[in-house]
Amino acid sequence: MKQFRVGIIGATGMVGQRFATLLEHHPWFHVTALAASARSAGKTYEEAVGGRWLMQTPMPESMKNMVIFNAEEDVEKVVDLVDFVFCAVNMDKEKIRALEELYAKHECPVMSNNSAHRGTPDVPMIIPEINASHAEVIPAQRKRLGTKKGFISVKSNCSLQSYVPAIQPLMPLHVTKALACTYQAISGAGKTFQTFPEILDNVIPYIGGEEEKSENEPMKIWGHVENGRIINATSPQITSQCLRVPVSDGHMAAVFVSFEKPATMEEIIERWETYEGEPQRLQLPSAPKQFLHYFHENDRPQPRLDRNLENGMAVSIGRLRPDTQYTIKFVCLSHNTLRGAAGGAVLMAELLAAKGYLE
């Protein structure tokens, strides 16, 4: 595989830091530029982050002395140094849309962890194991942007990374509706227990905008490409409740699913355990060997025990049972800053590289 020079836009934030650690030894991607806000610009990465390094692994030595660019003002300098960028910034949505399109129009593909373009019809929102084919919309997006190489591809919200993958292998059973109650880790808000002490001994039953994303974004993922845009699916209908819980990493969901075709519990588990997508078939560097793992123990999965399964890129499922109101119910778990954020974006970039979209 060709070697790619990559940049991290928003390098000083929690997701940006996760990108840095994931890319430190990546076999295809090599970090050649870091960018952040004006207050960090001109400082080295080590100076800009200071005591706010939030990862358990140290800051990569190769990046410590890299000078931070201004993400908004130094676009031309950044794109001269990279083949594409990862973007995870904390800005107003309209500003993010404009910033990502600016990079794309400078012929720099953008792998976005932001929500700003998730609703844009010609921007693919890719979970690589589920809707890799949505990359087919990229030529239409390039036509709209007036680019030859530049485009934007986004990853979905972290909340649904646990239950949408678990529902996917059941779709041939004609899934009609699902209910998901999510229990979301504080790193999803960019927090640690030190910066978010009010979460200790507590549960907060509201996460702004999360339920709308959890219910609507799966419709785009399960949609199809038609006439240069992604047409959203209309089923299965999803309803959700999203809670913030005192867990550092790992989003859990209690899920209830109805479907029309009969299936035994054993058949459902087999569907999960044998499911694979494009990343597994292509043997992409960040892909888990087994995407969905089922635990037969009554008390699994658990965030502390299972969030790092397959380097945090697998989804764990357990407690499958028949239900009285829906057809089945189960619990599932994913690592929200690996599979659900930076890791998912790196895997998406690997997929697009393997398919030639980053050339």
Protein backbone atom coordinates (compact mmCIF):
# COMPACT_ATOMS: atom_id res chain seq x y z
CA MET A 1 0.00 0.00 0.00
CA LYS A 2 1.14 3.53 -0.78
CA GLN A 3 2.36 5.61 2.16
CA PHE A 4 0.23 8.68 2.96
CA ARG A 5 1.17 11.94 4.70
CA VAL A 6 -1.64 12.95 7.05
CA GLY A 7 -2.61 15.93 9.18
CA ILE A 8 -4.69 16.14 12.36
CA ILE A 9 -7.01 19.15 12.55
CA GLY A 10 -7.97 19.67 16.20
CA ALA A 11 -4.86 17.85 17.41
CA THR A 12 -4.96 19.21 20.97
CA GLY A 13 -8.46 17.92 21.89
CA MET A 14 -9.28 14.49 23.29
CA VAL A 15 -10.16 12.93 19.92
CA GLY A 16 -7.18 14.67 18.29
CA GLN A 17 -4.92 13.15 20.94
CA ARG A 18 -6.43 9.75 20.25
CA PHE A 19 -5.68 10.22 16.53
CA ALA A 20 -2.07 11.02 17.43
CA THR A 21 -1.63 7.82 19.43
CA LEU A 22 -3.35 5.64 16.81
CA LEU A 23 -1.28 7.05 13.96
CA GLU A 24 2.09 6.93 15.73
CA HIS A 25 2.97 3.51 14.32
CA HIS A 26 0.40 3.20 11.53
CA PRO A 27 1.73 1.15 8.58
CA TRP A 28 0.16 3.40 5.89
CA PHE A 29 -0.39 6.83 7.46
CA HIS A 30 2.35 9.15 8.78
CA VAL A 31 1.57 12.41 10.60
CA THR A 32 3.27 15.38 8.94
CA ALA A 33 1.12 18.29 10.15
CA LEU A 34 -0.85 19.24 13.27
CA ALA A 35 -3.36 22.09 13.46
CA ALA A 36 -5.57 23.54 16.16
CA SER A 37 -7.06 26.84 17.32
CA ALA A 38 -5.34 30.22 17.22
CA ARG A 39 -4.34 29.97 20.89
CA SER A 40 -2.29 26.83 20.16
CA ALA A 41 -0.84 27.95 16.82
CA GLY A 42 2.90 28.59 16.82
CA LYS A 43 3.54 26.39 19.86
CA THR A 44 4.97 22.91 19.78
CA TYR A 45 2.46 20.10 20.31
CA GLU A 46 3.94 19.45 23.76
CA GLU A 47 3.66 23.14 24.72
CA ALA A 48 0.14 23.50 23.35
CA VAL A 49 -1.25 20.47 25.19
CA GLY A 50 0.72 21.11 28.40
CA GLY A 51 -0.84 19.21 31.28
CA ARG A 52 -3.97 18.38 29.29
CA TRP A 53 -2.70 15.13 27.76
CA LEU A 54 -5.63 12.78 28.37
CA MET A 55 -4.41 9.49 26.88
CA GLN A 56 -3.05 6.60 28.94
CA THR A 57 -0.13 6.23 26.54
CA PRO A 58 2.47 9.04 26.32
CA MET A 59 2.43 11.73 23.65
CA PRO A 60 4.24 10.35 20.58
CA GLU A 61 7.89 11.45 20.63
CA SER A 62 7.78 12.09 16.88
CA MET A 63 5.05 14.72 17.37
CA LYS A 64 6.15 16.51 20.57
CA ASN A 65 8.20 19.15 18.78
CA MET A 66 5.94 19.59 15.76
CA VAL A 67 4.75 23.22 15.55
CA ILE A 68 0.96 23.63 15.53
CA PHE A 69 -0.63 25.38 12.57
CA ASN A 70 -3.70 27.60 12.80
CA ALA A 71 -6.47 25.31 11.51
CA GLU A 72 -8.42 28.18 9.93
CA GLU A 73 -5.70 30.51 8.69
CA ASP A 74 -2.95 28.10 7.64
CA VAL A 75 -4.97 25.84 5.33
CA GLU A 76 -2.59 26.27 2.38
CA LYS A 77 0.44 25.48 4.56
CA VAL A 78 -1.21 22.35 5.93
CA VAL A 79 -2.40 20.97 2.59
CA ASP A 80 1.09 21.40 1.13
CA LEU A 81 2.38 18.96 3.75
CA VAL A 82 -0.32 16.25 3.63
CA ASP A 83 -2.25 13.90 1.37
CA PHE A 84 -5.38 14.10 3.55
CA VAL A 85 -6.48 15.19 7.03
CA PHE A 86 -8.41 13.87 10.01
CA CYS A 87 -10.64 16.53 11.54
CA ALA A 88 -12.02 16.67 15.09
CA VAL A 89 -12.67 20.27 16.15
CA ASN A 90 -14.82 22.00 18.73
CA MET A 91 -16.46 24.85 16.81
CA ASP A 92 -19.85 26.11 15.69
CA LYS A 93 -21.41 23.73 13.14
CA GLU A 94 -21.51 26.30 10.35
CA LYS A 95 -17.83 27.08 10.90
CA ILE A 96 -16.99 23.37 10.81
CA ARG A 97 -18.90 22.93 7.54
CA ALA A 98 -17.02 25.84 6.02
CA LEU A 99 -13.65 24.69 7.35
CA GLU A 100 -14.02 21.13 6.07
CA GLU A 101 -15.19 22.33 2.65
CA LEU A 102 -12.24 24.74 2.53
CA TYR A 103 -9.77 21.87 2.99
CA ALA A 104 -11.66 19.73 0.46
CA LYS A 105 -11.64 22.57 -2.08
CA HIS A 106 -7.87 22.76 -1.63
CA GLU A 107 -7.84 19.17 -2.97
CA CYS A 108 -7.32 17.68 0.50
CA PRO A 109 -9.68 14.84 1.47
CA VAL A 110 -11.18 15.25 4.95
CA MET A 111 -11.89 12.30 7.27
CA SER A 112 -14.25 13.98 9.72
CA ASN A 113 -15.15 13.05 13.27
CA ASN A 114 -17.52 16.04 13.43
CA SER A 115 -21.30 16.03 13.06
CA ALA A 116 -21.57 19.11 10.83
CA HIS A 117 -21.71 17.25 7.48
CA ARG A 118 -23.51 14.09 8.61
CA GLY A 119 -26.74 15.37 7.11
CA THR A 120 -25.21 16.52 3.81
CA PRO A 121 -26.74 14.18 1.16
CA ASP A 122 -23.57 13.68 -0.90
CA VAL A 123 -21.23 13.24 2.09
CA PRO A 124 -20.89 9.55 2.99
CA MET A 125 -21.25 8.63 6.69
CA ILE A 126 -19.42 5.35 6.83
CA ILE A 127 -19.26 2.49 9.30
CA PRO A 128 -16.86 0.43 7.16
CA GLU A 129 -18.34 -2.98 8.03
CA ILE A 130 -21.87 -1.84 7.18
CA ASN A 131 -22.08 0.70 4.35
CA ALA A 132 -18.72 0.79 2.57
CA SER A 133 -20.64 1.12 -0.71
CA HIS A 134 -21.68 4.68 0.21
CA ALA A 135 -18.21 5.79 -0.94
CA GLU A 136 -19.77 5.62 -4.42
CA VAL A 137 -21.30 9.06 -3.76
CA ILE A 138 -17.86 10.74 -3.59
CA PRO A 139 -17.61 11.54 -7.34
CA ALA A 140 -20.92 13.46 -7.11
CA GLN A 141 -19.64 15.39 -4.11
CA ARG A 142 -16.43 16.26 -5.95
CA LYS A 143 -18.51 17.55 -8.85
CA ARG A 144 -20.47 19.81 -6.47
CA LEU A 145 -17.29 21.07 -4.80
CA GLY A 146 -15.46 21.50 -8.11
CA THR A 147 -12.58 19.26 -7.01
CA LYS A 148 -10.60 16.45 -8.56
CA LYS A 149 -9.31 14.88 -5.35
CA GLY A 150 -10.84 16.74 -2.40
CA PHE A 151 -13.96 15.45 -0.61
CA ILE A 152 -15.39 14.98 2.88
CA SER A 153 -16.28 11.66 4.49
CA VAL A 154 -17.70 11.52 8.01
CA LYS A 155 -18.11 8.91 10.69
CA SER A 156 -21.35 8.55 12.61
CA ASN A 157 -22.10 9.48 16.19
CA CYS A 158 -20.44 7.36 18.88
CA SER A 159 -23.76 6.48 20.58
CA LEU A 160 -24.97 4.23 17.77
CA GLN A 161 -21.69 2.37 17.23
CA SER A 162 -22.80 -0.27 19.75
CA TYR A 163 -26.31 -1.10 18.53
CA VAL A 164 -26.32 -0.41 14.76
CA PRO A 165 -23.58 -3.02 14.16
CA ALA A 166 -25.53 -5.48 16.34
CA ILE A 167 -28.75 -4.88 14.39
CA GLN A 168 -27.06 -5.08 10.95
CA PRO A 169 -26.77 -8.91 10.75
CA LEU A 170 -30.45 -9.15 11.74
CA MET A 171 -31.68 -6.98 8.86
CA PRO A 172 -32.39 -10.02 6.61
CA LEU A 173 -34.97 -11.01 9.27
CA HIS A 174 -36.93 -7.85 8.29
CA VAL A 175 -36.27 -5.71 11.35
CA THR A 176 -39.22 -3.33 11.86
CA LYS A 177 -38.35 -1.34 14.99
CA ALA A 178 -35.79 -0.99 17.74
CA LEU A 179 -35.49 0.71 21.12
CA ALA A 180 -32.03 1.63 22.41
CA CYS A 181 -31.22 3.04 25.82
CA THR A 182 -27.57 4.11 25.86
CA TYR A 183 -25.27 4.48 28.86
CA GLN A 184 -22.47 6.73 27.66
CA ALA A 185 -18.98 7.28 29.03
CA ILE A 186 -17.70 10.71 30.02
CA SER A 187 -14.91 10.69 27.43
CA GLY A 188 -17.70 11.15 24.90
CA ALA A 189 -18.02 14.65 26.31
CA GLY A 190 -14.25 15.13 26.25
CA LYS A 191 -14.14 14.75 30.04
CA THR A 192 -12.22 12.81 32.67
CA PHE A 193 -13.20 12.19 36.28
CA GLN A 194 -10.84 15.03 37.24
CA THR A 195 -12.55 17.54 34.94
CA PHE A 196 -16.10 16.22 35.50
CA PRO A 197 -16.39 15.49 39.25
CA GLU A 198 -20.18 16.00 39.25
CA ILE A 199 -20.62 12.68 37.42
CA LEU A 200 -19.22 10.70 40.36
CA ASP A 201 -21.96 8.80 42.22
CA ASN A 202 -24.38 10.16 39.62
CA VAL A 203 -26.18 9.61 36.31
CA ILE A 204 -27.19 12.51 34.08
CA PRO A 205 -30.31 11.62 32.05
CA TYR A 206 -29.69 14.05 29.19
CA ILE A 207 -27.02 14.51 26.51
CA GLY A 208 -27.83 17.41 24.22
CA GLY A 209 -28.73 16.33 20.67
CA GLU A 210 -27.74 12.73 21.28
CA GLU A 211 -31.14 11.11 20.95
CA GLU A 212 -31.84 12.83 17.63
CA LYS A 213 -28.49 11.58 16.28
CA SER A 214 -29.09 8.11 17.68
CA GLU A 215 -32.46 7.83 15.96
CA ASN A 216 -31.77 9.63 12.67
CA GLU A 217 -28.20 8.77 11.69
CA PRO A 218 -28.89 5.01 11.31
CA MET A 219 -31.38 5.89 8.58
CA LYS A 220 -28.57 7.38 6.50
CA ILE A 221 -26.25 4.44 7.22
CA TRP A 222 -28.95 2.00 6.06
CA GLY A 223 -29.83 4.19 3.05
CA HIS A 224 -28.70 3.84 -0.56
CA VAL A 225 -26.89 5.92 -3.17
CA GLU A 226 -29.13 7.25 -5.94
CA ASN A 227 -28.51 10.07 -8.45
CA GLY A 228 -25.45 11.39 -6.63
CA ARG A 229 -26.95 11.52 -3.14
CA ILE A 230 -27.66 9.20 -0.25
CA ILE A 231 -31.37 8.46 0.17
CA ASN A 232 -32.17 7.65 3.79
CA ALA A 233 -33.88 4.41 4.72
CA THR A 234 -37.36 4.67 6.23
CA SER A 235 -37.11 1.61 8.46
CA PRO A 236 -36.46 0.17 10.95
CA GLN A 237 -37.83 2.89 13.21
CA ILE A 238 -35.57 3.60 16.20
CA THR A 239 -36.38 5.32 19.47
CA SER A 240 -33.76 6.06 22.10
CA GLN A 241 -32.86 7.46 25.51
CA CYS A 242 -29.26 8.56 26.13
CA LEU A 243 -27.75 8.80 29.62
CA ARG A 244 -24.31 9.93 30.81
CA VAL A 245 -22.88 7.49 33.35
CA PRO A 246 -19.75 7.50 35.56
CA VAL A 247 -17.59 5.40 33.23
CA SER A 248 -14.33 6.65 31.68
CA ASP A 249 -14.58 4.91 28.27
CA GLY A 250 -17.12 2.63 26.61
CA HIS A 251 -20.71 3.25 25.51
CA MET A 252 -23.20 0.56 26.44
CA ALA A 253 -26.73 0.10 25.09
CA ALA A 254 -29.74 -1.93 26.19
CA VAL A 255 -31.48 -2.81 22.94
CA PHE A 256 -34.92 -4.19 22.05
CA VAL A 257 -35.57 -5.29 18.47
CA SER A 258 -38.63 -6.51 16.56
CA PHE A 259 -38.41 -8.46 13.30
CA GLU A 260 -40.82 -10.43 11.14
CA LYS A 261 -39.00 -13.67 10.23
CA PRO A 262 -38.56 -16.39 12.87
CA ALA A 263 -35.09 -17.11 14.26
CA THR A 264 -33.81 -19.01 17.28
CA MET A 265 -31.46 -17.42 19.80
CA GLU A 266 -28.71 -19.72 18.53
CA GLU A 267 -29.26 -18.56 14.95
CA ILE A 268 -29.04 -14.92 16.02
CA ILE A 269 -25.77 -15.50 17.88
CA GLU A 270 -24.40 -17.29 14.82
CA ARG A 271 -25.36 -14.30 12.64
CA TRP A 272 -23.39 -12.03 14.97
CA GLU A 273 -20.33 -14.24 15.29
CA THR A 274 -19.98 -14.94 11.56
CA TYR A 275 -20.71 -11.42 10.31
CA GLU A 276 -17.91 -9.66 8.45
CA GLY A 277 -17.62 -6.60 6.27
CA GLU A 278 -15.22 -5.03 3.81
CA PRO A 279 -12.53 -4.28 6.46
CA GLN A 280 -12.29 -7.98 7.36
CA ARG A 281 -12.28 -9.11 3.72
CA LEU A 282 -9.64 -6.50 2.83
CA GLN A 283 -7.69 -7.18 6.06
CA LEU A 284 -7.34 -3.48 6.78
CA PRO A 285 -4.71 -2.63 9.44
CA SER A 286 -7.15 -1.34 12.09
CA ALA A 287 -9.95 -3.85 11.41
CA PRO A 288 -10.89 -6.29 14.16
CA LYS A 289 -10.55 -9.89 13.04
CA GLN A 290 -14.04 -10.53 14.44
CA PHE A 291 -16.29 -7.48 14.34
CA LEU A 292 -19.03 -8.74 16.71
CA HIS A 293 -18.28 -10.83 19.80
CA TYR A 294 -21.02 -12.52 21.81
CA PHE A 295 -20.48 -13.21 25.52
CA HIS A 296 -22.46 -16.11 27.01
CA GLU A 297 -21.78 -15.00 30.62
CA ASN A 298 -24.75 -13.27 32.27
CA ASP A 299 -22.67 -10.32 33.48
CA ARG A 300 -20.91 -9.38 30.20
CA PRO A 301 -20.06 -7.22 28.38
CA GLN A 302 -18.68 -4.70 30.89
CA PRO A 303 -16.86 -1.47 29.94
CA ARG A 304 -13.88 -2.08 32.21
CA LEU A 305 -13.39 -5.67 31.02
CA ASP A 306 -14.41 -5.51 27.36
CA ARG A 307 -14.03 -2.01 25.87
CA ASN A 308 -10.51 -2.74 24.60
CA LEU A 309 -11.46 -5.96 22.82
CA GLU A 310 -9.50 -6.18 19.54
CA ASN A 311 -7.74 -2.87 20.29
CA GLY A 312 -11.07 -1.22 21.02
CA MET A 313 -12.38 -1.83 17.50
CA ALA A 314 -14.75 -4.76 18.16
CA VAL A 315 -18.34 -4.57 19.38
CA SER A 316 -19.35 -6.77 22.34
CA ILE A 317 -22.84 -8.23 22.76
CA GLY A 318 -24.45 -10.20 25.57
CA ARG A 319 -27.64 -11.11 27.46
CA LEU A 320 -29.68 -12.10 24.39
CA ARG A 321 -33.21 -13.12 25.40
CA PRO A 322 -36.71 -13.24 23.91
CA ASP A 323 -38.84 -10.24 24.88
CA THR A 324 -42.54 -9.87 25.66
CA GLN A 325 -43.03 -6.54 23.83
CA TYR A 326 -40.34 -6.82 21.12
CA THR A 327 -38.92 -9.99 19.53
CA ILE A 328 -35.57 -9.97 21.36
CA LYS A 329 -33.49 -7.89 23.77
CA PHE A 330 -29.75 -7.73 24.39
CA VAL A 331 -26.93 -5.53 25.69
CA CYS A 332 -23.99 -4.27 23.62
CA LEU A 333 -20.81 -2.23 24.12
CA SER A 334 -18.26 -0.34 22.04
CA HIS A 335 -15.24 1.83 22.86
CA ASN A 336 -16.47 5.33 22.15
CA THR A 337 -13.15 7.04 21.36
CA LEU A 338 -11.72 4.08 19.42
CA ARG A 339 -14.45 2.33 17.41
CA GLY A 340 -16.79 5.28 18.07
CA ALA A 341 -14.45 8.14 17.17
CA ALA A 342 -10.79 8.26 16.11
CA GLY A 343 -10.39 4.53 15.50
CA GLY A 344 -13.51 4.44 13.35
CA ALA A 345 -12.23 7.40 11.32
CA VAL A 346 -8.83 5.74 10.81
CA LEU A 347 -10.57 2.54 9.65
CA MET A 348 -12.75 4.61 7.29
CA ALA A 349 -9.60 6.22 5.85
CA GLU A 350 -8.01 2.79 5.40
CA LEU A 351 -11.09 1.63 3.51
CA LEU A 352 -11.08 4.68 1.24
CA ALA A 353 -7.33 4.31 0.67
CA ALA A 354 -7.75 0.65 -0.27
CA LYS A 355 -10.49 1.61 -2.73
CA GLY A 356 -8.35 4.33 -4.33
CA TYR A 357 -10.27 7.42 -3.19
CA LEU A 358 -7.23 8.99 -1.51
CA GLU A 359 -4.92 8.81 -4.53
